[in-house]
Protein backbone atom coordinates (compact mmCIF):
# COMPACT_ATOMS: atom_id res chain seq x y z
CA UNK A 1 4.94 -11.57 -6.34
CA UNK A 2 2.44 -11.32 -3.50
CA UNK A 3 -0.96 -9.75 -4.18
CA UNK A 4 -3.74 -10.23 -1.68
CA UNK A 5 -4.37 -10.39 2.04
CA UNK A 6 -1.40 -11.26 4.25
CA UNK A 7 -2.22 -12.38 7.82
CA UNK A 8 -0.55 -10.39 10.55
CA UNK A 9 -0.98 -7.95 13.42
CA UNK A 10 -0.15 -4.60 11.84
CA UNK A 11 -2.10 -1.43 12.72
CA UNK A 12 -3.99 -1.43 9.44
CA UNK A 13 -4.97 -5.08 9.81
CA UNK A 14 -6.25 -4.41 13.32
CA UNK A 15 -8.19 -1.38 12.11
CA UNK A 16 -11.67 -1.39 10.66
CA UNK A 17 -11.63 -2.55 7.00
CA UNK A 18 -12.98 0.81 5.87
CA UNK A 19 -9.86 2.59 7.17
CA UNK A 20 -7.29 1.06 4.75
CA UNK A 21 -9.72 1.50 1.84
CA UNK A 22 -10.27 5.14 2.76
CA UNK A 23 -6.51 5.57 2.99
CA UNK A 24 -6.10 4.16 -0.53
CA UNK A 25 -8.70 6.57 -1.93
CA UNK A 26 -7.16 9.43 0.06
CA UNK A 27 -3.74 8.60 -1.39
CA UNK A 28 -5.11 8.65 -4.94
CA UNK A 29 -6.51 12.13 -4.33
CA UNK A 30 -3.37 13.49 -2.68
CA UNK A 31 -1.12 12.00 -5.38
CA UNK A 32 -2.64 14.42 -7.89
CA UNK A 33 -3.49 17.28 -5.53
CA UNK A 34 -0.04 17.71 -3.94
CA UNK A 35 2.55 19.66 -5.91
CA UNK A 36 4.98 17.48 -7.86
CA UNK A 37 7.53 16.10 -7.49
CA UNK A 38 7.97 16.72 -3.76
CA UNK A 39 4.41 15.85 -2.70
CA UNK A 40 4.10 12.48 -4.49
CA UNK A 41 7.64 11.52 -3.43
CA UNK A 42 6.88 12.18 0.24
CA UNK A 43 3.64 10.25 -0.14
CA UNK A 44 5.51 7.32 -1.70
CA UNK A 45 8.08 7.27 1.12
CA UNK A 46 5.26 7.30 3.68
CA UNK A 47 3.50 4.35 2.01
CA UNK A 48 6.72 2.33 1.74
CA UNK A 49 7.37 2.97 5.45
CA UNK A 50 3.80 1.95 6.28
CA UNK A 51 4.22 -1.29 4.32
CA UNK A 52 7.37 -2.06 6.33
CA UNK A 53 5.58 -1.30 9.60
CA UNK A 54 2.75 -3.60 8.56
CA UNK A 55 5.25 -6.36 7.88
CA UNK A 56 4.37 -6.75 4.20
CA UNK A 57 7.59 -5.76 2.39
CA UNK A 58 6.85 -8.42 -0.24
CA UNK A 59 3.94 -6.23 -1.36
CA UNK A 60 6.47 -3.67 -2.60
CA UNK A 61 7.75 -6.10 -5.26
CA UNK A 62 4.57 -6.05 -7.40
CA UNK A 63 4.22 -2.33 -6.69
CA UNK A 64 7.66 -1.62 -8.14
CA UNK A 65 7.11 -4.10 -10.98
CA UNK A 66 3.83 -2.39 -11.94
CA UNK A 67 5.18 1.15 -11.73
CA UNK A 68 8.57 0.49 -13.35
CA UNK A 69 7.34 0.47 -17.01
CA UNK A 70 5.60 3.81 -16.39
CA UNK A 71 8.79 5.25 -14.89
CA UNK A 72 10.82 4.18 -17.91
CA UNK A 73 8.26 5.49 -20.40
CA UNK A 74 7.87 8.82 -18.58
CA UNK A 75 11.62 9.39 -18.33
CA UNK A 76 12.01 8.66 -22.04
CA UNK A 77 9.22 11.03 -23.04
CA UNK A 78 9.66 13.86 -20.54
CA UNK A 79 13.18 13.36 -19.25
CA UNK A 80 15.13 12.53 -22.42
CA UNK A 81 13.12 14.06 -25.24
CA UNK A 82 11.26 16.78 -23.30
CA UNK A 83 14.18 17.62 -21.01
CA UNK A 84 11.82 17.83 -18.05
CA UNK A 85 13.14 15.18 -15.63
CA UNK A 86 11.30 16.67 -12.65
CA UNK A 87 8.00 16.30 -14.48
CA UNK A 88 8.77 12.66 -15.20
CA UNK A 89 9.77 12.13 -11.58
CA UNK A 90 6.54 13.64 -10.29
CA UNK A 91 4.29 11.68 -12.65
CA UNK A 92 6.09 8.44 -11.88
CA UNK A 93 5.85 9.05 -8.14
CA UNK A 94 2.11 9.62 -8.46
CA UNK A 95 1.61 6.31 -10.23
CA UNK A 96 3.80 4.46 -7.74
CA UNK A 97 1.97 5.98 -4.76
CA UNK A 98 -1.46 5.01 -6.11
CA UNK A 99 -0.38 1.45 -6.96
CA UNK A 100 1.32 1.02 -3.58
CA UNK A 101 -1.73 2.29 -1.68
CA UNK A 102 -4.04 -0.05 -3.59
CA UNK A 103 -1.83 -3.10 -3.04
CA UNK A 104 -1.36 -2.15 0.62
CA UNK A 105 -5.13 -2.11 1.10
CA UNK A 106 -5.37 -5.55 -0.52
CA UNK A 107 -2.64 -6.86 1.78
CA UNK A 108 -4.22 -5.51 4.98
CA UNK A 109 -7.98 -5.89 4.44
CA UNK A 110 -9.26 -9.38 5.20
CA UNK A 111 -12.16 -10.06 2.80
CA UNK A 112 -14.27 -11.75 5.48
CA UNK A 113 -13.98 -8.78 7.85
CA UNK A 114 -14.83 -6.43 5.00
CA UNK A 115 -18.04 -8.35 4.27
CA UNK A 116 -18.95 -8.30 7.97
CA UNK A 117 -18.30 -4.57 8.10
CA UNK A 118 -20.42 -3.87 5.02
CA UNK A 119 -23.29 -6.05 6.24
CA UNK A 120 -23.16 -4.30 9.62
CA UNK A 121 -23.67 -0.98 7.79
CA UNK A 122 -26.73 -2.30 6.00
CA UNK A 123 -25.11 -3.06 2.64
CA UNK A 124 -26.88 -5.95 0.85
CA UNK A 125 -25.04 -9.23 1.25
CA UNK A 126 -25.00 -9.83 -2.51
CA UNK A 127 -23.08 -6.58 -3.09
CA UNK A 128 -20.71 -7.27 -0.19
CA UNK A 129 -19.99 -10.78 -1.46
CA UNK A 130 -19.41 -9.48 -4.99
CA UNK A 131 -16.84 -7.02 -3.66
CA UNK A 132 -15.12 -9.73 -1.62
CA UNK A 133 -15.03 -12.09 -4.61
CA UNK A 134 -13.47 -9.34 -6.71
CA UNK A 135 -10.72 -8.78 -4.13
CA UNK A 136 -10.05 -12.51 -3.95
CA UNK A 137 -10.16 -13.18 -7.69
CA UNK A 138 -6.49 -12.56 -8.49
CA UNK A 139 -5.03 -14.40 -5.45
CA UNK A 140 -7.32 -17.40 -5.97
CA UNK A 141 -6.54 -17.65 -9.68
CA UNK A 142 -2.83 -17.32 -8.93
CA UNK A 143 -2.94 -20.11 -6.34
CA UNK A 144 -4.98 -22.34 -8.64
CA UNK A 145 -2.58 -21.71 -11.52
CA UNK A 146 0.39 -22.64 -9.32
CA UNK A 147 -1.28 -25.88 -8.27
CA UNK A 148 -2.09 -26.76 -11.87
CA UNK A 149 1.46 -25.96 -12.93
CA UNK A 150 2.91 -28.19 -10.21
CA UNK A 151 0.54 -31.02 -11.10
CA UNK A 152 1.36 -30.81 -14.81
CA UNK A 153 5.08 -30.77 -14.06
CA UNK A 154 4.67 -33.95 -12.03
CA UNK A 155 3.04 -35.50 -15.10
CA UNK A 156 6.09 -34.63 -17.19
CA UNK A 157 4.90 -31.42 -18.86
CA UNK A 158 7.84 -29.30 -20.02
CA UNK A 159 7.10 -25.61 -19.49
CA UNK A 160 10.60 -24.33 -20.22
CA UNK A 161 12.79 -24.38 -23.27
CA UNK A 162 12.07 -23.17 -26.78
CA UNK A 163 9.23 -20.83 -27.69
CA UNK A 164 7.37 -23.67 -29.43
CA UNK A 165 7.59 -25.88 -26.32
CA UNK A 166 6.24 -23.10 -24.13
CA UNK A 167 3.39 -22.45 -26.57
CA UNK A 168 2.45 -26.14 -26.48
CA UNK A 169 2.31 -26.02 -22.68
CA UNK A 170 -0.28 -23.21 -22.65
CA UNK A 171 -3.31 -25.41 -23.37
CA UNK A 172 -2.61 -27.99 -20.59
CA UNK A 173 -2.26 -25.08 -18.17
CA UNK A 174 -5.01 -22.70 -19.26
CA UNK A 175 -7.76 -25.23 -19.96
CA UNK A 176 -7.82 -26.72 -16.41
CA UNK A 177 -7.63 -23.21 -14.99
CA UNK A 178 -10.72 -22.05 -16.91
CA UNK A 179 -12.70 -25.23 -16.27
CA UNK A 180 -11.81 -25.17 -12.58
CA UNK A 181 -12.84 -21.53 -12.26
CA UNK A 182 -16.20 -22.24 -13.94
CA UNK A 183 -16.80 -25.24 -11.68
CA UNK A 184 -15.99 -23.14 -8.62
CA UNK A 185 -18.46 -20.47 -9.72
CA UNK A 186 -21.21 -23.09 -9.97
CA UNK A 187 -20.34 -24.55 -6.56
CA UNK A 188 -20.34 -21.12 -4.94
CA UNK A 189 -23.65 -20.23 -6.56
CA UNK A 190 -25.31 -23.35 -5.16
CA UNK A 191 -23.79 -22.75 -1.73
CA UNK A 192 -24.95 -19.12 -1.68
CA UNK A 193 -28.47 -20.07 -2.76
CA UNK A 194 -28.62 -22.69 0.00
CA UNK A 195 -27.67 -19.98 2.52
CA UNK A 196 -30.29 -17.53 1.28
CA UNK A 197 -27.86 -15.06 -0.25
CA UNK A 198 -30.58 -13.71 -2.53
CA UNK A 199 -32.79 -12.66 0.37
CA UNK A 200 -33.44 -8.92 0.69
CA UNK A 201 -33.81 -9.12 4.47
CA UNK A 202 -31.16 -7.30 6.44
CA UNK A 203 -28.64 -9.69 7.95
CA UNK A 204 -27.16 -9.55 11.42
CA UNK A 205 -23.36 -10.09 11.30
CA UNK A 206 -22.05 -12.58 13.84
CA UNK A 207 -18.73 -10.84 14.49
CA UNK A 208 -18.69 -7.32 13.03
CA UNK A 209 -15.33 -5.51 13.14
CA UNK A 210 -15.04 -2.94 15.88
CA UNK A 211 -15.20 0.64 14.62
CA UNK A 212 -13.99 3.05 17.28
CA UNK A 213 -14.88 6.77 17.27
CA UNK A 214 -11.22 7.81 16.67
CA UNK A 215 -11.13 5.67 13.51
CA UNK A 216 -14.35 7.20 12.25
CA UNK A 217 -12.95 10.67 12.92
CA UNK A 218 -9.76 9.70 11.09
CA UNK A 219 -11.68 8.55 8.02
CA UNK A 220 -13.86 11.65 7.95
CA UNK A 221 -10.73 13.72 8.40
CA UNK A 222 -9.19 12.10 5.32
CA UNK A 223 -12.38 12.80 3.37
CA UNK A 224 -12.40 16.48 4.42
CA UNK A 225 -8.69 16.93 3.72
CA UNK A 226 -9.07 15.21 0.34
CA UNK A 227 -11.95 17.45 -0.68
CA UNK A 228 -10.04 20.52 0.51
CA UNK A 229 -6.99 19.43 -1.49
CA UNK A 230 -9.11 19.05 -4.61
CA UNK A 231 -10.63 22.49 -4.04
CA UNK A 232 -7.24 24.15 -3.54
CA UNK A 233 -5.88 22.36 -6.58
CA UNK A 234 -8.51 23.84 -8.88
CA UNK A 235 -8.66 27.31 -7.36
C-alpha cells in the first residue's frame, strides 16, 4: 500500500501546497455538512476521480483498506440490526471521503515545498520542519522496515510459517527498526543544530512555491463555503 508523496505532474502537485491541505479540510467539513447518503457519495466519487486525474490510483488501495472495516461494522449495526442501510451507507461514505482526502493530500504535497511555503509565510522553521517530519514519518518507517526485512531474509531469517516462527522473527525486525529510528533522530538533530534551526530569525526561502491569486481565491472560497455549510447544517 502506498502512503506518502508520489512524484508527478498532476494539478494538485503543481499547485501551492496549501491548496491540497485546504481541500482535505474542506472535504472533512463537507462530508458531515452535506445530506447523507447522496452528499458524501458524490464527494467520494469526486475524490476518486481526482486521484485518477492526479495519477495516484495506488493511493485508493490504503483508502479502501482503511474504510472497509468501518463499512462492515456500520452495515452490521445499522443495516442488518437497525434496518437502516441508507444510514450505514452515508456514514461509511463520510469516513471514506475523509480518509481519501487525507491520503490524497499526502500523495500530492511534497514535504520540501510545504516547508518552503510555510517559511515564506513567516512560520518558524522549527514548526515547519516538525510538520514535514510528521508527514514523512510513516513512509520513512515503512521504507526502513522493508529494507530491514530484505536484509534479514538474506541472512536466512524465516518470517513465514507457523505462528511461533513469526513471533520469533519480530525481535530481529523490530529492534533494528527502533535503533535505526533513534539513530536517525540524533543525526537529524545534530544536522539541524549545525544549520541554525533553533534560530528565531525569520528565514528567506530559496525557492518558495508560487501562489497565484486564483489559488488564493480558491482556498478562501473553500473556507467560506465550508463555514456556510456548517452554519446551514446547524440552523
